[in-house]
Amino acid sequence: PGRSRMTKDELVEGIRKANDRETRRARERES
């Protein structure tokens, strides 16, 4: 139940942070 109480903004922010972490890791792998 705790997770469903999250607002849309919080959900988007969490996804954005996860994406940034993934892209940063991929970028380091390329260089």
PDB file of N, CA and C in Angstrom:
ATOM      1  N   PRO A   1       0.810  -1.216   0.000  1.00  0.00           N
ATOM      2  CA  PRO A   1       0.000   0.000   0.000  1.00  0.00           C
ATOM      3  C   PRO A   1       0.841   1.261   0.000  1.00  0.00           C
ATOM      4  N   GLY A   2       2.011   1.207   0.611  1.00  0.00           N
ATOM      5  CA  GLY A   2       2.874   2.387   0.684  1.00  0.00           C
ATOM      6  C   GLY A   2       3.289   2.894  -0.686  1.00  0.00           C
ATOM      7  N   ARG A   3       3.554   1.969  -1.598  1.00  0.00           N
ATOM      8  CA  ARG A   3       4.036   2.384  -2.908  1.00  0.00           C
ATOM      9  C   ARG A   3       2.928   3.077  -3.705  1.00  0.00           C
ATOM     10  N   SER A   4       1.704   2.611  -3.578  1.00  0.00           N
ATOM     11  CA  SER A   4       0.607   3.188  -4.356  1.00  0.00           C
ATOM     12  C   SER A   4       0.286   4.604  -3.899  1.00  0.00           C
ATOM     13  N   ARG A   5       0.748   4.989  -2.697  1.00  0.00           N
ATOM     14  CA  ARG A   5       0.466   6.333  -2.195  1.00  0.00           C
ATOM     15  C   ARG A   5       1.433   7.358  -2.777  1.00  0.00           C
ATOM     16  N   MET A   6       2.421   6.915  -3.513  1.00  0.00           N
ATOM     17  CA  MET A   6       3.366   7.871  -4.111  1.00  0.00           C
ATOM     18  C   MET A   6       2.649   8.720  -5.161  1.00  0.00           C
ATOM     19  N   THR A   7       3.044   9.979  -5.233  1.00  0.00           N
ATOM     20  CA  THR A   7       2.441  10.856  -6.235  1.00  0.00           C
ATOM     21  C   THR A   7       3.104  10.620  -7.585  1.00  0.00           C
ATOM     22  N   LYS A   8       2.491  11.110  -8.625  1.00  0.00           N
ATOM     23  CA  LYS A   8       3.039  10.926  -9.967  1.00  0.00           C
ATOM     24  C   LYS A   8       4.403  11.603 -10.073  1.00  0.00           C
ATOM     25  N   ASP A   9       4.531  12.787  -9.459  1.00  0.00           N
ATOM     26  CA  ASP A   9       5.804  13.514  -9.523  1.00  0.00           C
ATOM     27  C   ASP A   9       6.913  12.701  -8.876  1.00  0.00           C
ATOM     28  N   GLU A  10       6.621  12.094  -7.727  1.00  0.00           N
ATOM     29  CA  GLU A  10       7.633  11.295  -7.038  1.00  0.00           C
ATOM     30  C   GLU A  10       8.027  10.102  -7.896  1.00  0.00           C
ATOM     31  N   LEU A  11       7.030   9.506  -8.560  1.00  0.00           N
ATOM     32  CA  LEU A  11       7.301   8.355  -9.408  1.00  0.00           C
ATOM     33  C   LEU A  11       8.209   8.759 -10.569  1.00  0.00           C
ATOM     34  N   VAL A  12       7.878   9.890 -11.203  1.00  0.00           N
ATOM     35  CA  VAL A  12       8.672  10.372 -12.337  1.00  0.00           C
ATOM     36  C   VAL A  12      10.093  10.685 -11.892  1.00  0.00           C
ATOM     37  N   GLU A  13      10.221  11.310 -10.729  1.00  0.00           N
ATOM     38  CA  GLU A  13      11.555  11.669 -10.240  1.00  0.00           C
ATOM     39  C   GLU A  13      12.383  10.409  -9.988  1.00  0.00           C
ATOM     40  N   GLY A  14      11.752   9.388  -9.420  1.00  0.00           N
ATOM     41  CA  GLY A  14      12.463   8.142  -9.152  1.00  0.00           C
ATOM     42  C   GLY A  14      12.931   7.495 -10.444  1.00  0.00           C
ATOM     43  N   ILE A  15      12.062   7.487 -11.443  1.00  0.00           N
ATOM     44  CA  ILE A  15      12.434   6.894 -12.732  1.00  0.00           C
ATOM     45  C   ILE A  15      13.559   7.692 -13.370  1.00  0.00           C
ATOM     46  N   ARG A  16      13.469   9.022 -13.258  1.00  0.00           N
ATOM     47  CA  ARG A  16      14.499   9.879 -13.858  1.00  0.00           C
ATOM     48  C   ARG A  16      15.854   9.604 -13.210  1.00  0.00           C
ATOM     49  N   LYS A  17      15.863   9.448 -11.898  1.00  0.00           N
ATOM     50  CA  LYS A  17      17.127   9.179 -11.198  1.00  0.00           C
ATOM     51  C   LYS A  17      17.700   7.843 -11.646  1.00  0.00           C
ATOM     52  N   ALA A  18      16.834   6.847 -11.806  1.00  0.00           N
ATOM     53  CA  ALA A  18      17.289   5.528 -12.236  1.00  0.00           C
ATOM     54  C   ALA A  18      17.865   5.615 -13.643  1.00  0.00           C
ATOM     55  N   ASN A  19      17.209   6.368 -14.522  1.00  0.00           N
ATOM     56  CA  ASN A  19      17.693   6.521 -15.894  1.00  0.00           C
ATOM     57  C   ASN A  19      19.048   7.217 -15.914  1.00  0.00           C
ATOM     58  N   ASP A  20      19.208   8.252 -15.098  1.00  0.00           N
ATOM     59  CA  ASP A  20      20.482   8.974 -15.049  1.00  0.00           C
ATOM     60  C   ASP A  20      21.598   8.037 -14.608  1.00  0.00           C
ATOM     61  N   ARG A  21      21.298   7.166 -13.645  1.00  0.00           N
ATOM     62  CA  ARG A  21      22.314   6.251 -13.150  1.00  0.00           C
ATOM     63  C   ARG A  21      22.704   5.267 -14.253  1.00  0.00           C
ATOM     64  N   GLU A  22      21.719   4.781 -15.003  1.00  0.00           N
ATOM     65  CA  GLU A  22      21.998   3.831 -16.079  1.00  0.00           C
ATOM     66  C   GLU A  22      22.802   4.488 -17.193  1.00  0.00           C
ATOM     67  N   THR A  23      22.404   5.688 -17.601  1.00  0.00           N
ATOM     68  CA  THR A  23      23.107   6.368 -18.692  1.00  0.00           C
ATOM     69  C   THR A  23      24.529   6.700 -18.282  1.00  0.00           C
ATOM     70  N   ARG A  24      24.716   7.084 -17.030  1.00  0.00           N
ATOM     71  CA  ARG A  24      26.058   7.429 -16.568  1.00  0.00           C
ATOM     72  C   ARG A  24      26.947   6.186 -16.627  1.00  0.00           C
ATOM     73  N   ARG A  25      26.402   5.029 -16.242  1.00  0.00           N
ATOM     74  CA  ARG A  25      27.186   3.801 -16.261  1.00  0.00           C
ATOM     75  C   ARG A  25      27.539   3.430 -17.696  1.00  0.00           C
ATOM     76  N   ALA A  26      26.575   3.586 -18.599  1.00  0.00           N
ATOM     77  CA  ALA A  26      26.811   3.248 -20.001  1.00  0.00           C
ATOM     78  C   ALA A  26      27.848   4.193 -20.600  1.00  0.00           C
ATOM     79  N   ARG A  27      27.777   5.464 -20.212  1.00  0.00           N
ATOM     80  CA  ARG A  27      28.707   6.452 -20.749  1.00  0.00           C
ATOM     81  C   ARG A  27      30.130   6.114 -20.302  1.00  0.00           C
ATOM     82  N   GLU A  28      30.273   5.693 -19.051  1.00  0.00           N
ATOM     83  CA  GLU A  28      31.614   5.351 -18.560  1.00  0.00           C
ATOM     84  C   GLU A  28      32.153   4.130 -19.300  1.00  0.00           C
ATOM     85  N   ARG A  29      31.252   3.207 -19.654  1.00  0.00           N
ATOM     86  CA  ARG A  29      31.688   2.004 -20.347  1.00  0.00           C
ATOM     87  C   ARG A  29      32.195   2.343 -21.744  1.00  0.00           C
ATOM     88  N   GLU A  30      31.571   3.318 -22.389  1.00  0.00           N
ATOM     89  CA  GLU A  30      31.969   3.677 -23.755  1.00  0.00           C
ATOM     90  C   GLU A  30      33.351   4.308 -23.793  1.00  0.00           C
ATOM     91  N   SER A  31      33.608   5.224 -22.874  1.00  0.00           N
ATOM     92  CA  SER A  31      34.876   5.957 -22.910  1.00  0.00           C
ATOM     93  C   SER A  31      36.030   5.151 -22.342  1.00  0.00           C
TER      94      SER A  31
END
